[in-house]
Amino acid sequence: MSTLRSMSLVAAALASAIGCYTVSLKASTERAAVVAAHEAIARDQSEMRLLRAELRTRSRLPELQRWNEEVLALAPPRAEQLVANPVQLASYAAPAAPAAAAPVSVAAVVRDAPPPPPVLRHATFAPRAARDLGTDAVAAGSPAALQVAFRKPAP
């Protein structure tokens, strides 16, 4: 009898744990949906603010035009500001002369050829103070120019 009672208590505890987990899962899902709705509302409010600002700006276009005419005196650029004469403007639209045909070159493939020798490149580095102050700064004890050689790896 006590075994049956303990089994029923374990089953009741298990059922209540599953029920609590289900309720908790449902609550977290609803909480995530509420957070997403709040974020969407915030985005929409921000977009509405931007649209209202644009509407206010566009509704003031006559005022902006009046300011431009009276104070700013802005105007679109004229052709004379960009080119000296109409001939120069037309020269920009002229088609380019056809290029001469490039000579055909043939490449030869040589098997088992020795690799080309590596290419050495030299660079010099002088500290900024030495460059700014001239050669006296190098002779006066600042670090001397550094010689560096770079070797290109063979393919």
C-alpha atoms as a PDB file:
ATOM      1  CA  MET A   1       0.000   0.000   0.000  1.00  0.00           C
ATOM      2  CA  SER A   2       2.774   2.397   0.843  1.00  0.00           C
ATOM      3  CA  THR A   3       4.416   1.674  -2.522  1.00  0.00           C
ATOM      4  CA  LEU A   4       1.248   2.586  -4.345  1.00  0.00           C
ATOM      5  CA  ARG A   5       0.958   5.750  -2.281  1.00  0.00           C
ATOM      6  CA  SER A   6       4.570   6.789  -2.958  1.00  0.00           C
ATOM      7  CA  MET A   7       4.128   6.052  -6.682  1.00  0.00           C
ATOM      8  CA  SER A   8       1.028   8.225  -6.782  1.00  0.00           C
ATOM      9  CA  LEU A   9       2.887  11.046  -4.983  1.00  0.00           C
ATOM     10  CA  VAL A  10       5.752  10.823  -7.504  1.00  0.00           C
ATOM     11  CA  ALA A  11       3.261  10.863 -10.389  1.00  0.00           C
ATOM     12  CA  ALA A  12       1.458  13.900  -8.890  1.00  0.00           C
ATOM     13  CA  ALA A  13       4.776  15.727  -8.386  1.00  0.00           C
ATOM     14  CA  LEU A  14       5.812  14.918 -11.955  1.00  0.00           C
ATOM     15  CA  ALA A  15       2.485  16.113 -13.340  1.00  0.00           C
ATOM     16  CA  SER A  16       2.681  19.357 -11.354  1.00  0.00           C
ATOM     17  CA  ALA A  17       6.291  19.943 -12.556  1.00  0.00           C
ATOM     18  CA  ILE A  18       5.237  19.433 -16.178  1.00  0.00           C
ATOM     19  CA  GLY A  19       2.275  21.766 -15.656  1.00  0.00           C
ATOM     20  CA  CYS A  20       4.496  24.450 -14.088  1.00  0.00           C
ATOM     21  CA  TYR A  21       7.014  24.122 -16.934  1.00  0.00           C
ATOM     22  CA  THR A  22       4.251  24.474 -19.524  1.00  0.00           C
ATOM     23  CA  VAL A  23       2.890  27.591 -17.808  1.00  0.00           C
ATOM     24  CA  SER A  24       6.409  29.058 -17.537  1.00  0.00           C
ATOM     25  CA  LEU A  25       7.092  28.367 -21.223  1.00  0.00           C
ATOM     26  CA  LYS A  26       3.820  29.991 -22.240  1.00  0.00           C
ATOM     27  CA  ALA A  27       4.584  33.030 -20.043  1.00  0.00           C
ATOM     28  CA  SER A  28       8.058  33.470 -21.561  1.00  0.00           C
ATOM     29  CA  THR A  29       6.609  33.215 -25.070  1.00  0.00           C
ATOM     30  CA  GLU A  30       4.044  35.905 -24.253  1.00  0.00           C
ATOM     31  CA  ARG A  31       6.763  38.070 -22.665  1.00  0.00           C
ATOM     32  CA  ALA A  32       8.876  37.800 -25.832  1.00  0.00           C
ATOM     33  CA  ALA A  33       5.849  38.776 -27.934  1.00  0.00           C
ATOM     34  CA  VAL A  34       5.206  41.808 -25.703  1.00  0.00           C
ATOM     35  CA  VAL A  35       8.860  42.892 -25.977  1.00  0.00           C
ATOM     36  CA  ALA A  36       8.732  42.526 -29.774  1.00  0.00           C
ATOM     37  CA  ALA A  37       5.525  44.602 -29.865  1.00  0.00           C
ATOM     38  CA  HIS A  38       7.161  47.331 -27.744  1.00  0.00           C
ATOM     39  CA  GLU A  39      10.178  47.382 -30.077  1.00  0.00           C
ATOM     40  CA  ALA A  40       7.909  47.632 -33.128  1.00  0.00           C
ATOM     41  CA  ILE A  41       6.004  50.495 -31.482  1.00  0.00           C
ATOM     42  CA  ALA A  42       9.277  52.311 -30.724  1.00  0.00           C
ATOM     43  CA  ARG A  43      10.459  51.853 -34.345  1.00  0.00           C
ATOM     44  CA  ASP A  44       7.122  53.098 -35.676  1.00  0.00           C
ATOM     45  CA  GLN A  45       7.196  56.130 -33.377  1.00  0.00           C
ATOM     46  CA  SER A  46      10.716  56.971 -34.532  1.00  0.00           C
ATOM     47  CA  GLU A  47       9.660  56.674 -38.172  1.00  0.00           C
ATOM     48  CA  MET A  48       6.619  58.858 -37.470  1.00  0.00           C
ATOM     49  CA  ARG A  49       8.917  61.509 -35.950  1.00  0.00           C
ATOM     50  CA  LEU A  50      11.089  61.449 -39.064  1.00  0.00           C
ATOM     51  CA  LEU A  51       8.061  61.721 -41.354  1.00  0.00           C
ATOM     52  CA  ARG A  52       6.648  64.608 -39.321  1.00  0.00           C
ATOM     53  CA  ALA A  53       9.978  66.432 -39.521  1.00  0.00           C
ATOM     54  CA  GLU A  54      10.091  65.891 -43.277  1.00  0.00           C
ATOM     55  CA  LEU A  55       6.507  67.133 -43.593  1.00  0.00           C
ATOM     56  CA  ARG A  56       7.349  70.262 -41.591  1.00  0.00           C
ATOM     57  CA  THR A  57      10.378  70.876 -43.811  1.00  0.00           C
ATOM     58  CA  ARG A  58       8.432  70.375 -47.029  1.00  0.00           C
ATOM     59  CA  SER A  59       5.615  72.597 -45.820  1.00  0.00           C
ATOM     60  CA  ARG A  60       8.173  75.369 -45.342  1.00  0.00           C
ATOM     61  CA  LEU A  61       9.456  75.204 -48.943  1.00  0.00           C
ATOM     62  CA  PRO A  62       7.940  78.573 -49.874  1.00  0.00           C
ATOM     63  CA  GLU A  63       9.674  80.101 -46.850  1.00  0.00           C
ATOM     64  CA  LEU A  64      12.956  78.417 -47.804  1.00  0.00           C
ATOM     65  CA  GLN A  65      12.581  79.704 -51.360  1.00  0.00           C
ATOM     66  CA  ARG A  66      12.017  83.236 -50.025  1.00  0.00           C
ATOM     67  CA  TRP A  67      15.150  82.958 -47.862  1.00  0.00           C
ATOM     68  CA  ASN A  68      17.106  81.761 -50.880  1.00  0.00           C
ATOM     69  CA  GLU A  69      15.960  84.694 -52.986  1.00  0.00           C
ATOM     70  CA  GLU A  70      16.529  87.315 -50.271  1.00  0.00           C
ATOM     71  CA  VAL A  71      19.527  86.100 -48.298  1.00  0.00           C
ATOM     72  CA  LEU A  72      21.330  83.082 -49.705  1.00  0.00           C
ATOM     73  CA  ALA A  73      21.043  83.776 -53.445  1.00  0.00           C
ATOM     74  CA  LEU A  74      21.775  80.169 -54.367  1.00  0.00           C
ATOM     75  CA  ALA A  75      21.326  79.093 -57.985  1.00  0.00           C
ATOM     76  CA  PRO A  76      22.093  75.974 -59.998  1.00  0.00           C
ATOM     77  CA  PRO A  77      25.437  76.055 -61.804  1.00  0.00           C
ATOM     78  CA  ARG A  78      25.522  77.460 -65.319  1.00  0.00           C
ATOM     79  CA  ALA A  79      27.411  75.837 -68.185  1.00  0.00           C
ATOM     80  CA  GLU A  80      29.866  78.756 -68.298  1.00  0.00           C
ATOM     81  CA  GLN A  81      30.984  77.891 -64.775  1.00  0.00           C
ATOM     82  CA  LEU A  82      32.076  74.408 -65.845  1.00  0.00           C
ATOM     83  CA  VAL A  83      33.421  74.802 -69.387  1.00  0.00           C
ATOM     84  CA  ALA A  84      34.739  77.755 -71.336  1.00  0.00           C
ATOM     85  CA  ASN A  85      32.638  77.349 -74.486  1.00  0.00           C
ATOM     86  CA  PRO A  86      30.154  74.988 -76.188  1.00  0.00           C
ATOM     87  CA  VAL A  87      32.921  73.379 -78.269  1.00  0.00           C
ATOM     88  CA  GLN A  88      34.680  72.219 -75.122  1.00  0.00           C
ATOM     89  CA  LEU A  89      31.402  70.808 -73.816  1.00  0.00           C
ATOM     90  CA  ALA A  90      30.831  68.941 -77.092  1.00  0.00           C
ATOM     91  CA  SER A  91      34.349  67.500 -76.972  1.00  0.00           C
ATOM     92  CA  TYR A  92      33.404  65.625 -73.796  1.00  0.00           C
ATOM     93  CA  ALA A  93      30.588  63.845 -75.636  1.00  0.00           C
ATOM     94  CA  ALA A  94      32.679  62.954 -78.713  1.00  0.00           C
ATOM     95  CA  PRO A  95      33.348  59.233 -79.102  1.00  0.00           C
ATOM     96  CA  ALA A  96      36.877  58.140 -78.364  1.00  0.00           C
ATOM     97  CA  ALA A  97      39.111  57.294 -81.288  1.00  0.00           C
ATOM     98  CA  PRO A  98      39.335  53.541 -81.891  1.00  0.00           C
ATOM     99  CA  ALA A  99      42.446  52.071 -80.372  1.00  0.00           C
ATOM    100  CA  ALA A 100      44.979  50.351 -82.567  1.00  0.00           C
ATOM    101  CA  ALA A 101      44.772  46.575 -82.548  1.00  0.00           C
ATOM    102  CA  ALA A 102      47.151  45.113 -80.020  1.00  0.00           C
ATOM    103  CA  PRO A 103      49.754  42.782 -81.450  1.00  0.00           C
ATOM    104  CA  VAL A 104      49.132  39.114 -80.838  1.00  0.00           C
ATOM    105  CA  SER A 105      51.721  37.522 -78.602  1.00  0.00           C
ATOM    106  CA  VAL A 106      52.196  33.806 -78.079  1.00  0.00           C
ATOM    107  CA  ALA A 107      53.274  32.361 -74.780  1.00  0.00           C
ATOM    108  CA  ALA A 108      55.374  29.234 -74.611  1.00  0.00           C
ATOM    109  CA  VAL A 109      55.078  26.674 -71.845  1.00  0.00           C
ATOM    110  CA  VAL A 110      58.378  25.194 -70.746  1.00  0.00           C
ATOM    111  CA  ARG A 111      58.195  22.144 -68.549  1.00  0.00           C
ATOM    112  CA  ASP A 112      60.762  21.432 -65.872  1.00  0.00           C
ATOM    113  CA  ALA A 113      62.245  24.899 -66.201  1.00  0.00           C
ATOM    114  CA  PRO A 114      64.090  26.206 -63.152  1.00  0.00           C
ATOM    115  CA  PRO A 115      62.083  28.715 -61.108  1.00  0.00           C
ATOM    116  CA  PRO A 116      62.987  32.352 -61.643  1.00  0.00           C
ATOM    117  CA  PRO A 117      65.319  33.896 -59.085  1.00  0.00           C
ATOM    118  CA  PRO A 118      63.595  35.675 -56.201  1.00  0.00           C
ATOM    119  CA  VAL A 119      63.124  39.400 -56.551  1.00  0.00           C
ATOM    120  CA  LEU A 120      64.851  41.546 -53.960  1.00  0.00           C
ATOM    121  CA  ARG A 121      63.383  44.907 -53.096  1.00  0.00           C
ATOM    122  CA  HIS A 122      65.130  47.377 -50.854  1.00  0.00           C
ATOM    123  CA  ALA A 123      63.464  49.974 -48.694  1.00  0.00           C
ATOM    124  CA  THR A 124      64.857  52.553 -46.363  1.00  0.00           C
ATOM    125  CA  PHE A 125      63.260  53.828 -43.221  1.00  0.00           C
ATOM    126  CA  ALA A 126      64.273  56.987 -41.455  1.00  0.00           C
ATOM    127  CA  PRO A 127      62.532  58.011 -38.242  1.00  0.00           C
ATOM    128  CA  ARG A 128      60.210  60.992 -38.593  1.00  0.00           C
ATOM    129  CA  ALA A 129      62.405  63.159 -36.391  1.00  0.00           C
ATOM    130  CA  ALA A 130      65.396  62.495 -38.647  1.00  0.00           C
ATOM    131  CA  ARG A 131      63.391  63.345 -41.782  1.00  0.00           C
ATOM    132  CA  ASP A 132      61.960  66.502 -40.236  1.00  0.00           C
ATOM    133  CA  LEU A 133      65.238  67.751 -38.800  1.00  0.00           C
ATOM    134  CA  GLY A 134      67.494  66.704 -41.666  1.00  0.00           C
ATOM    135  CA  THR A 135      70.638  64.591 -41.618  1.00  0.00           C
ATOM    136  CA  ASP A 136      72.038  66.371 -38.531  1.00  0.00           C
ATOM    137  CA  ALA A 137      69.469  64.618 -36.358  1.00  0.00           C
ATOM    138  CA  VAL A 138      70.779  61.197 -37.434  1.00  0.00           C
ATOM    139  CA  ALA A 139      74.353  62.240 -36.747  1.00  0.00           C
ATOM    140  CA  ALA A 140      73.382  63.794 -33.398  1.00  0.00           C
ATOM    141  CA  GLY A 141      72.541  60.454 -31.843  1.00  0.00           C
ATOM    142  CA  SER A 142      68.991  59.658 -32.947  1.00  0.00           C
ATOM    143  CA  PRO A 143      68.477  56.201 -34.458  1.00  0.00           C
ATOM    144  CA  ALA A 144      70.135  55.805 -37.816  1.00  0.00           C
ATOM    145  CA  ALA A 145      68.222  54.936 -40.961  1.00  0.00           C
ATOM    146  CA  LEU A 146      67.148  51.307 -41.058  1.00  0.00           C
ATOM    147  CA  GLN A 147      67.800  49.251 -44.196  1.00  0.00           C
ATOM    148  CA  VAL A 148      65.212  46.552 -44.942  1.00  0.00           C
ATOM    149  CA  ALA A 149      65.213  43.969 -47.759  1.00  0.00           C
ATOM    150  CA  PHE A 150      62.031  42.182 -48.816  1.00  0.00           C
ATOM    151  CA  ARG A 151      62.241  38.890 -50.668  1.00  0.00           C
ATOM    152  CA  LYS A 152      59.341  37.907 -52.922  1.00  0.00           C
ATOM    153  CA  PRO A 153      58.455  34.221 -52.489  1.00  0.00           C
ATOM    154  CA  ALA A 154      59.027  31.982 -55.470  1.00  0.00           C
ATOM    155  CA  PRO A 155      55.784  30.747 -57.108  1.00  0.00           C
END
